């Protein structure tokens, strides 16, 4: 083997490792739950993860008290996956002025991006126990399967308690100005949103949960208001015509007896 080949071989191997590592961090994303009927509403949820570009992979600090900062962050993370195009996302997080359950409003069942149900609705989302952990990232990959342990076990900033209300919020509080509540994405119990060891320094890098706007299973047809009005008017016309025919029939019978 020539000296040139000896120099090139390690680089070629490195490139192949990068390519295969990138492919390994891709999975089939389920954006339409298979267990819902046509026309049903639902939400999608993910935890920010490896974006395929490099470190930091789906993490940011929680020093801002502006919820718009975190909404923008989860939307940016979702944009790394073309399967999620056209969907609006909201951070499941609380600041001093906005609660998570108001920022990320749950009005329907919630699903992970692998098709697994997380919660049946609002009450189920905020009762301290999820059906399944939100541990799948924007690429459909379980974050606990990441090869690097630091990437796999990174906390999620939430600034919230289990009811979805502020608790040592994002951006800090008067008593804890440099700390915010965190959760653990591999948990489905109360620790998914509120770690039992207390808040974490909010100048550190952490993940965030994203919840989609309400989505609808294709195939269900909901009449538009104008259509409903037209059908109501047609119904009124038919009833009026039927009433008129009965009136004329009674009149005809009356004339026969005169």
C-alpha atoms as a PDB file:
ATOM      1  CA  UNK A   1       0.000   0.000   0.000  1.00  0.00           C
ATOM      2  CA  UNK A   2       1.376   3.402  -0.952  1.00  0.00           C
ATOM      3  CA  UNK A   3       1.959   6.239   1.551  1.00  0.00           C
ATOM      4  CA  UNK A   4      -0.827   8.212  -0.179  1.00  0.00           C
ATOM      5  CA  UNK A   5      -3.253   5.365   0.424  1.00  0.00           C
ATOM      6  CA  UNK A   6      -2.232   5.210   4.061  1.00  0.00           C
ATOM      7  CA  UNK A   7      -3.131   8.887   4.460  1.00  0.00           C
ATOM      8  CA  UNK A   8      -6.454   8.685   2.629  1.00  0.00           C
ATOM      9  CA  UNK A   9      -7.833   5.514   4.208  1.00  0.00           C
ATOM     10  CA  UNK A  10      -8.557   6.978   7.685  1.00  0.00           C
ATOM     11  CA  UNK A  11     -10.330   9.988   6.143  1.00  0.00           C
ATOM     12  CA  UNK A  12     -12.447   7.758   3.942  1.00  0.00           C
ATOM     13  CA  UNK A  13     -13.395   5.648   6.930  1.00  0.00           C
ATOM     14  CA  UNK A  14     -14.317   8.785   8.880  1.00  0.00           C
ATOM     15  CA  UNK A  15     -16.603   9.953   6.058  1.00  0.00           C
ATOM     16  CA  UNK A  16     -18.316   6.569   5.918  1.00  0.00           C
ATOM     17  CA  UNK A  17     -18.842   6.630   9.680  1.00  0.00           C
ATOM     18  CA  UNK A  18     -20.447  10.069   9.464  1.00  0.00           C
ATOM     19  CA  UNK A  19     -22.752   8.950   6.659  1.00  0.00           C
ATOM     20  CA  UNK A  20     -23.839   5.801   8.441  1.00  0.00           C
ATOM     21  CA  UNK A  21     -24.250   7.643  11.743  1.00  0.00           C
ATOM     22  CA  UNK A  22     -26.500  10.184  10.025  1.00  0.00           C
ATOM     23  CA  UNK A  23     -28.582   7.428   8.443  1.00  0.00           C
ATOM     24  CA  UNK A  24     -28.870   5.676  11.776  1.00  0.00           C
ATOM     25  CA  UNK A  25     -30.466   8.761  13.261  1.00  0.00           C
ATOM     26  CA  UNK A  26     -33.378   8.679  10.829  1.00  0.00           C
ATOM     27  CA  UNK A  27     -36.634   6.793  11.396  1.00  0.00           C
ATOM     28  CA  UNK A  28     -40.091   6.560   9.891  1.00  0.00           C
ATOM     29  CA  UNK A  29     -42.227   9.403  11.205  1.00  0.00           C
ATOM     30  CA  UNK A  30     -45.934   8.833  11.846  1.00  0.00           C
ATOM     31  CA  UNK A  31     -47.843  12.104  11.428  1.00  0.00           C
ATOM     32  CA  UNK A  32     -51.333  10.561  11.242  1.00  0.00           C
ATOM     33  CA  UNK A  33     -52.289   8.213  14.127  1.00  0.00           C
ATOM     34  CA  UNK A  34     -53.610   4.846  12.869  1.00  0.00           C
ATOM     35  CA  UNK A  35     -56.134   4.403  15.695  1.00  0.00           C
ATOM     36  CA  UNK A  36     -58.257   7.507  14.999  1.00  0.00           C
ATOM     37  CA  UNK A  37     -61.310   7.766  12.756  1.00  0.00           C
ATOM     38  CA  UNK A  38     -61.410  10.096   9.758  1.00  0.00           C
ATOM     39  CA  UNK A  39     -62.073  13.666  10.818  1.00  0.00           C
ATOM     40  CA  UNK A  40     -60.711  13.193  14.357  1.00  0.00           C
ATOM     41  CA  UNK A  41     -58.489  15.872  15.879  1.00  0.00           C
ATOM     42  CA  UNK A  42     -55.115  15.135  17.467  1.00  0.00           C
ATOM     43  CA  UNK A  43     -51.745  16.648  18.420  1.00  0.00           C
ATOM     44  CA  UNK A  44     -48.183  15.524  17.760  1.00  0.00           C
ATOM     45  CA  UNK A  45     -45.402  15.917  20.314  1.00  0.00           C
ATOM     46  CA  UNK A  46     -41.633  15.492  20.218  1.00  0.00           C
ATOM     47  CA  UNK A  47     -38.540  16.225  22.263  1.00  0.00           C
ATOM     48  CA  UNK A  48     -35.857  18.230  20.507  1.00  0.00           C
ATOM     49  CA  UNK A  49     -33.003  15.996  19.416  1.00  0.00           C
ATOM     50  CA  UNK A  50     -30.063  15.489  17.091  1.00  0.00           C
ATOM     51  CA  UNK A  51     -30.545  17.805  14.099  1.00  0.00           C
ATOM     52  CA  UNK A  52     -28.105  16.095  11.760  1.00  0.00           C
ATOM     53  CA  UNK A  53     -25.890  19.181  11.629  1.00  0.00           C
ATOM     54  CA  UNK A  54     -23.774  18.871  14.739  1.00  0.00           C
ATOM     55  CA  UNK A  55     -23.461  19.819  18.374  1.00  0.00           C
ATOM     56  CA  UNK A  56     -25.375  21.284  20.164  1.00  0.00           C
ATOM     57  CA  UNK A  57     -27.982  18.807  19.046  1.00  0.00           C
ATOM     58  CA  UNK A  58     -31.427  20.163  19.823  1.00  0.00           C
ATOM     59  CA  UNK A  59     -30.464  21.980  22.999  1.00  0.00           C
ATOM     60  CA  UNK A  60     -30.525  25.574  24.181  1.00  0.00           C
ATOM     61  CA  UNK A  61     -30.445  27.503  27.446  1.00  0.00           C
ATOM     62  CA  UNK A  62     -33.521  28.606  29.401  1.00  0.00           C
ATOM     63  CA  UNK A  63     -32.438  32.054  30.532  1.00  0.00           C
ATOM     64  CA  UNK A  64     -35.123  34.008  28.653  1.00  0.00           C
ATOM     65  CA  UNK A  65     -38.488  34.803  30.241  1.00  0.00           C
ATOM     66  CA  UNK A  66     -40.116  35.292  26.798  1.00  0.00           C
ATOM     67  CA  UNK A  67     -42.136  32.220  25.734  1.00  0.00           C
ATOM     68  CA  UNK A  68     -41.827  33.279  22.073  1.00  0.00           C
ATOM     69  CA  UNK A  69     -38.118  32.404  22.247  1.00  0.00           C
ATOM     70  CA  UNK A  70     -38.916  28.773  23.047  1.00  0.00           C
ATOM     71  CA  UNK A  71     -41.778  28.539  20.551  1.00  0.00           C
ATOM     72  CA  UNK A  72     -39.365  29.710  17.872  1.00  0.00           C
ATOM     73  CA  UNK A  73     -36.781  27.174  19.023  1.00  0.00           C
ATOM     74  CA  UNK A  74     -39.095  24.141  18.750  1.00  0.00           C
ATOM     75  CA  UNK A  75     -40.352  25.336  15.353  1.00  0.00           C
ATOM     76  CA  UNK A  76     -36.757  25.629  14.156  1.00  0.00           C
ATOM     77  CA  UNK A  77     -36.021  22.133  15.416  1.00  0.00           C
ATOM     78  CA  UNK A  78     -39.124  20.767  13.660  1.00  0.00           C
ATOM     79  CA  UNK A  79     -37.977  22.389  10.410  1.00  0.00           C
ATOM     80  CA  UNK A  80     -35.037  19.963  10.291  1.00  0.00           C
ATOM     81  CA  UNK A  81     -37.581  17.244   9.447  1.00  0.00           C
ATOM     82  CA  UNK A  82     -39.386  17.664   6.110  1.00  0.00           C
ATOM     83  CA  UNK A  83     -42.193  15.403   7.391  1.00  0.00           C
ATOM     84  CA  UNK A  84     -43.232  18.176   9.751  1.00  0.00           C
ATOM     85  CA  UNK A  85     -43.504  20.970   7.160  1.00  0.00           C
ATOM     86  CA  UNK A  86     -46.482  23.284   7.513  1.00  0.00           C
ATOM     87  CA  UNK A  87     -47.193  22.474  11.173  1.00  0.00           C
ATOM     88  CA  UNK A  88     -47.086  25.105  13.930  1.00  0.00           C
ATOM     89  CA  UNK A  89     -45.392  24.063  17.168  1.00  0.00           C
ATOM     90  CA  UNK A  90     -45.508  25.322  20.741  1.00  0.00           C
ATOM     91  CA  UNK A  91     -43.048  24.717  23.576  1.00  0.00           C
ATOM     92  CA  UNK A  92     -44.389  22.752  26.522  1.00  0.00           C
ATOM     93  CA  UNK A  93     -42.911  25.231  28.953  1.00  0.00           C
ATOM     94  CA  UNK A  94     -43.888  27.912  31.456  1.00  0.00           C
ATOM     95  CA  UNK A  95     -42.474  31.390  32.001  1.00  0.00           C
ATOM     96  CA  UNK A  96     -43.358  33.797  34.806  1.00  0.00           C
ATOM     97  CA  UNK A  97     -46.315  35.080  32.766  1.00  0.00           C
ATOM     98  CA  UNK A  98     -47.441  32.076  30.658  1.00  0.00           C
ATOM     99  CA  UNK A  99     -48.256  28.531  31.812  1.00  0.00           C
ATOM    100  CA  UNK A 100     -47.310  25.553  29.651  1.00  0.00           C
ATOM    101  CA  UNK A 101     -50.893  24.308  29.452  1.00  0.00           C
ATOM    102  CA  UNK A 102     -51.961  27.686  28.045  1.00  0.00           C
ATOM    103  CA  UNK A 103     -49.049  28.073  25.639  1.00  0.00           C
ATOM    104  CA  UNK A 104     -49.267  24.495  24.366  1.00  0.00           C
ATOM    105  CA  UNK A 105     -53.034  23.992  24.482  1.00  0.00           C
ATOM    106  CA  UNK A 106     -54.168  20.369  24.456  1.00  0.00           C
ATOM    107  CA  UNK A 107     -57.650  19.924  22.958  1.00  0.00           C
ATOM    108  CA  UNK A 108     -57.343  16.368  21.609  1.00  0.00           C
ATOM    109  CA  UNK A 109     -55.300  13.153  22.027  1.00  0.00           C
ATOM    110  CA  UNK A 110     -51.517  13.592  21.870  1.00  0.00           C
ATOM    111  CA  UNK A 111     -49.162  11.270  19.933  1.00  0.00           C
ATOM    112  CA  UNK A 112     -45.419  10.838  19.587  1.00  0.00           C
ATOM    113  CA  UNK A 113     -43.864  10.849  16.133  1.00  0.00           C
ATOM    114  CA  UNK A 114     -43.694   7.047  16.137  1.00  0.00           C
ATOM    115  CA  UNK A 115     -47.500   6.803  16.387  1.00  0.00           C
ATOM    116  CA  UNK A 116     -47.577   6.027  20.130  1.00  0.00           C
ATOM    117  CA  UNK A 117     -50.264   7.785  22.160  1.00  0.00           C
ATOM    118  CA  UNK A 118     -48.975  10.042  24.928  1.00  0.00           C
ATOM    119  CA  UNK A 119     -52.218  11.365  26.430  1.00  0.00           C
ATOM    120  CA  UNK A 120     -55.942  11.091  25.774  1.00  0.00           C
ATOM    121  CA  UNK A 121     -56.544  14.810  26.124  1.00  0.00           C
ATOM    122  CA  UNK A 122     -56.123  17.846  28.392  1.00  0.00           C
ATOM    123  CA  UNK A 123     -56.863  16.166  31.740  1.00  0.00           C
ATOM    124  CA  UNK A 124     -54.736  13.143  30.923  1.00  0.00           C
ATOM    125  CA  UNK A 125     -51.842  15.367  29.843  1.00  0.00           C
ATOM    126  CA  UNK A 126     -51.745  17.233  33.148  1.00  0.00           C
ATOM    127  CA  UNK A 127     -52.535  14.565  35.743  1.00  0.00           C
ATOM    128  CA  UNK A 128     -48.900  13.693  36.492  1.00  0.00           C
ATOM    129  CA  UNK A 129     -48.818  10.472  34.486  1.00  0.00           C
ATOM    130  CA  UNK A 130     -48.456  10.138  30.714  1.00  0.00           C
ATOM    131  CA  UNK A 131     -49.517   7.019  28.849  1.00  0.00           C
ATOM    132  CA  UNK A 132     -46.044   6.928  27.275  1.00  0.00           C
ATOM    133  CA  UNK A 133     -42.932   9.085  27.587  1.00  0.00           C
ATOM    134  CA  UNK A 134     -42.240  11.853  25.044  1.00  0.00           C
ATOM    135  CA  UNK A 135     -38.804  10.452  24.203  1.00  0.00           C
ATOM    136  CA  UNK A 136     -38.970  10.539  20.384  1.00  0.00           C
ATOM    137  CA  UNK A 137     -37.262  13.423  18.601  1.00  0.00           C
ATOM    138  CA  UNK A 138     -38.243  15.383  15.484  1.00  0.00           C
ATOM    139  CA  UNK A 139     -36.766  12.655  13.280  1.00  0.00           C
ATOM    140  CA  UNK A 140     -38.789   9.868  14.879  1.00  0.00           C
ATOM    141  CA  UNK A 141     -35.794   8.561  16.832  1.00  0.00           C
ATOM    142  CA  UNK A 142     -35.899   7.467  20.484  1.00  0.00           C
ATOM    143  CA  UNK A 143     -33.391   9.809  22.158  1.00  0.00           C
ATOM    144  CA  UNK A 144     -32.392   7.127  24.670  1.00  0.00           C
ATOM    145  CA  UNK A 145     -30.900   5.109  21.799  1.00  0.00           C
ATOM    146  CA  UNK A 146     -28.355   7.803  20.917  1.00  0.00           C
ATOM    147  CA  UNK A 147     -24.831   6.408  21.045  1.00  0.00           C
ATOM    148  CA  UNK A 148     -23.422   9.318  23.057  1.00  0.00           C
ATOM    149  CA  UNK A 149     -24.665   9.135  26.643  1.00  0.00           C
ATOM    150  CA  UNK A 150     -24.553  12.923  27.056  1.00  0.00           C
ATOM    151  CA  UNK A 151     -26.911  13.317  24.113  1.00  0.00           C
ATOM    152  CA  UNK A 152     -29.172  10.501  25.272  1.00  0.00           C
ATOM    153  CA  UNK A 153     -29.688  11.633  28.852  1.00  0.00           C
ATOM    154  CA  UNK A 154     -29.962  15.413  28.489  1.00  0.00           C
ATOM    155  CA  UNK A 155     -32.708  17.023  30.573  1.00  0.00           C
ATOM    156  CA  UNK A 156     -35.698  18.931  29.166  1.00  0.00           C
ATOM    157  CA  UNK A 157     -36.378  22.471  30.367  1.00  0.00           C
ATOM    158  CA  UNK A 158     -40.071  22.895  31.253  1.00  0.00           C
ATOM    159  CA  UNK A 159     -40.380  25.540  33.981  1.00  0.00           C
ATOM    160  CA  UNK A 160     -43.546  23.680  35.004  1.00  0.00           C
ATOM    161  CA  UNK A 161     -45.155  21.393  37.537  1.00  0.00           C
ATOM    162  CA  UNK A 162     -47.230  18.323  36.660  1.00  0.00           C
ATOM    163  CA  UNK A 163     -50.400  20.389  36.218  1.00  0.00           C
ATOM    164  CA  UNK A 164     -48.767  22.405  33.435  1.00  0.00           C
ATOM    165  CA  UNK A 165     -48.459  25.547  35.543  1.00  0.00           C
ATOM    166  CA  UNK A 166     -45.330  27.545  36.311  1.00  0.00           C
ATOM    167  CA  UNK A 167     -42.847  26.164  38.844  1.00  0.00           C
ATOM    168  CA  UNK A 168     -39.391  27.779  38.861  1.00  0.00           C
ATOM    169  CA  UNK A 169     -40.223  29.004  35.363  1.00  0.00           C
ATOM    170  CA  UNK A 170     -38.117  29.423  32.251  1.00  0.00           C
ATOM    171  CA  UNK A 171     -36.080  32.579  32.743  1.00  0.00           C
ATOM    172  CA  UNK A 172     -36.001  31.957  36.494  1.00  0.00           C
ATOM    173  CA  UNK A 173     -37.980  33.426  39.382  1.00  0.00           C
ATOM    174  CA  UNK A 174     -37.355  35.926  42.166  1.00  0.00           C
ATOM    175  CA  UNK A 175     -36.130  33.158  44.476  1.00  0.00           C
ATOM    176  CA  UNK A 176     -34.296  31.163  41.760  1.00  0.00           C
ATOM    177  CA  UNK A 177     -33.255  33.701  39.070  1.00  0.00           C
ATOM    178  CA  UNK A 178     -30.696  31.362  37.489  1.00  0.00           C
ATOM    179  CA  UNK A 179     -32.596  28.074  37.668  1.00  0.00           C
ATOM    180  CA  UNK A 180     -35.589  26.556  35.887  1.00  0.00           C
ATOM    181  CA  UNK A 181     -37.601  23.367  36.346  1.00  0.00           C
ATOM    182  CA  UNK A 182     -36.583  20.395  34.204  1.00  0.00           C
ATOM    183  CA  UNK A 183     -38.069  17.047  33.211  1.00  0.00           C
ATOM    184  CA  UNK A 184     -36.673  13.753  31.975  1.00  0.00           C
ATOM    185  CA  UNK A 185     -37.911  12.619  28.530  1.00  0.00           C
ATOM    186  CA  UNK A 186     -37.475   8.927  29.233  1.00  0.00           C
ATOM    187  CA  UNK A 187     -40.072   9.147  32.045  1.00  0.00           C
ATOM    188  CA  UNK A 188     -43.848   8.851  31.751  1.00  0.00           C
ATOM    189  CA  UNK A 189     -44.484   9.549  35.445  1.00  0.00           C
ATOM    190  CA  UNK A 190     -44.409  13.024  37.050  1.00  0.00           C
ATOM    191  CA  UNK A 191     -40.706  13.389  36.237  1.00  0.00           C
ATOM    192  CA  UNK A 192     -41.454  13.784  32.532  1.00  0.00           C
ATOM    193  CA  UNK A 193     -42.043  17.453  33.343  1.00  0.00           C
ATOM    194  CA  UNK A 194     -40.863  18.006  36.939  1.00  0.00           C
ATOM    195  CA  UNK A 195     -37.666  16.337  38.155  1.00  0.00           C
ATOM    196  CA  UNK A 196     -37.923  15.363  41.815  1.00  0.00           C
ATOM    197  CA  UNK A 197     -34.444  16.757  42.570  1.00  0.00           C
ATOM    198  CA  UNK A 198     -35.472  20.322  41.846  1.00  0.00           C
ATOM    199  CA  UNK A 199     -34.643  22.977  39.228  1.00  0.00           C
ATOM    200  CA  UNK A 200     -31.497  23.073  37.099  1.00  0.00           C
ATOM    201  CA  UNK A 201     -29.185  25.973  36.156  1.00  0.00           C
ATOM    202  CA  UNK A 202     -30.932  27.672  33.239  1.00  0.00           C
ATOM    203  CA  UNK A 203     -27.700  28.874  31.663  1.00  0.00           C
ATOM    204  CA  UNK A 204     -26.959  25.247  30.772  1.00  0.00           C
ATOM    205  CA  UNK A 205     -28.036  23.661  27.482  1.00  0.00           C
ATOM    206  CA  UNK A 206     -31.180  21.525  27.614  1.00  0.00           C
ATOM    207  CA  UNK A 207     -33.848  20.011  25.405  1.00  0.00           C
ATOM    208  CA  UNK A 208     -37.438  21.187  24.963  1.00  0.00           C
ATOM    209  CA  UNK A 209     -40.756  19.481  24.256  1.00  0.00           C
ATOM    210  CA  UNK A 210     -42.779  20.653  21.262  1.00  0.00           C
ATOM    211  CA  UNK A 211     -46.556  20.244  20.850  1.00  0.00           C
ATOM    212  CA  UNK A 212     -48.273  20.728  17.498  1.00  0.00           C
ATOM    213  CA  UNK A 213     -51.319  22.789  16.723  1.00  0.00           C
ATOM    214  CA  UNK A 214     -54.546  20.704  16.481  1.00  0.00           C
ATOM    215  CA  UNK A 215     -54.390  18.458  13.407  1.00  0.00           C
ATOM    216  CA  UNK A 216     -57.133  16.428  11.729  1.00  0.00           C
ATOM    217  CA  UNK A 217     -57.192  12.913  10.288  1.00  0.00           C
ATOM    218  CA  UNK A 218     -57.947  13.192   6.531  1.00  0.00           C
ATOM    219  CA  UNK A 219     -61.285  11.990   5.208  1.00  0.00           C
ATOM    220  CA  UNK A 220     -63.717  13.570   7.633  1.00  0.00           C
ATOM    221  CA  UNK A 221     -66.039  16.135   6.021  1.00  0.00           C
ATOM    222  CA  UNK A 222     -67.328  18.946   8.206  1.00  0.00           C
ATOM    223  CA  UNK A 223     -70.068  21.039   6.530  1.00  0.00           C
ATOM    224  CA  UNK A 224     -69.210  24.682   6.076  1.00  0.00           C
ATOM    225  CA  UNK A 225     -71.576  27.177   7.742  1.00  0.00           C
ATOM    226  CA  UNK A 226     -72.878  28.318   4.324  1.00  0.00           C
ATOM    227  CA  UNK A 227     -73.711  24.728   3.376  1.00  0.00           C
ATOM    228  CA  UNK A 228     -75.559  24.186   6.645  1.00  0.00           C
ATOM    229  CA  UNK A 229     -77.634  27.318   6.035  1.00  0.00           C
ATOM    230  CA  UNK A 230     -78.539  26.158   2.524  1.00  0.00           C
ATOM    231  CA  UNK A 231     -79.649  22.736   3.757  1.00  0.00           C
ATOM    232  CA  UNK A 232     -81.677  24.363   6.551  1.00  0.00           C
ATOM    233  CA  UNK A 233     -83.444  26.604   4.016  1.00  0.00           C
ATOM    234  CA  UNK A 234     -84.164  23.638   1.736  1.00  0.00           C
ATOM    235  CA  UNK A 235     -85.625  21.763   4.682  1.00  0.00           C
ATOM    236  CA  UNK A 236     -87.869  24.717   5.504  1.00  0.00           C
ATOM    237  CA  UNK A 237     -89.059  24.917   1.882  1.00  0.00           C
ATOM    238  CA  UNK A 238     -89.914  21.193   1.832  1.00  0.00           C
ATOM    239  CA  UNK A 239     -91.859  21.466   5.093  1.00  0.00           C
ATOM    240  CA  UNK A 240     -93.731  24.510   3.828  1.00  0.00           C
ATOM    241  CA  UNK A 241     -94.645  22.715   0.594  1.00  0.00           C
ATOM    242  CA  UNK A 242     -95.891  19.681   2.516  1.00  0.00           C
ATOM    243  CA  UNK A 243     -97.979  21.899   4.781  1.00  0.00           C
ATOM    244  CA  UNK A 244     -99.477  23.692   1.760  1.00  0.00           C
ATOM    245  CA  UNK A 245    -100.446  20.375   0.147  1.00  0.00           C
ATOM    246  CA  UNK A 246    -102.219  19.252   3.329  1.00  0.00           C
ATOM    247  CA  UNK A 247    -104.075  22.561   3.502  1.00  0.00           C
ATOM    248  CA  UNK A 248    -105.295  22.312  -0.111  1.00  0.00           C
ATOM    249  CA  UNK A 249    -106.362  18.696   0.436  1.00  0.00           C
ATOM    250  CA  UNK A 250    -108.529  19.683   3.433  1.00  0.00           C
ATOM    251  CA  UNK A 251    -110.046  22.529   1.414  1.00  0.00           C
ATOM    252  CA  UNK A 252    -110.890  20.167  -1.462  1.00  0.00           C
ATOM    253  CA  UNK A 253    -112.615  17.717   0.890  1.00  0.00           C
ATOM    254  CA  UNK A 254    -114.623  20.557   2.438  1.00  0.00           C
ATOM    255  CA  UNK A 255    -115.905  21.683  -0.974  1.00  0.00           C
ATOM    256  CA  UNK A 256    -117.117  18.186  -1.779  1.00  0.00           C
ATOM    257  CA  UNK A 257    -119.528  18.305   1.187  1.00  0.00           C
ATOM    258  CA  UNK A 258    -121.041  21.698   0.354  1.00  0.00           C
END
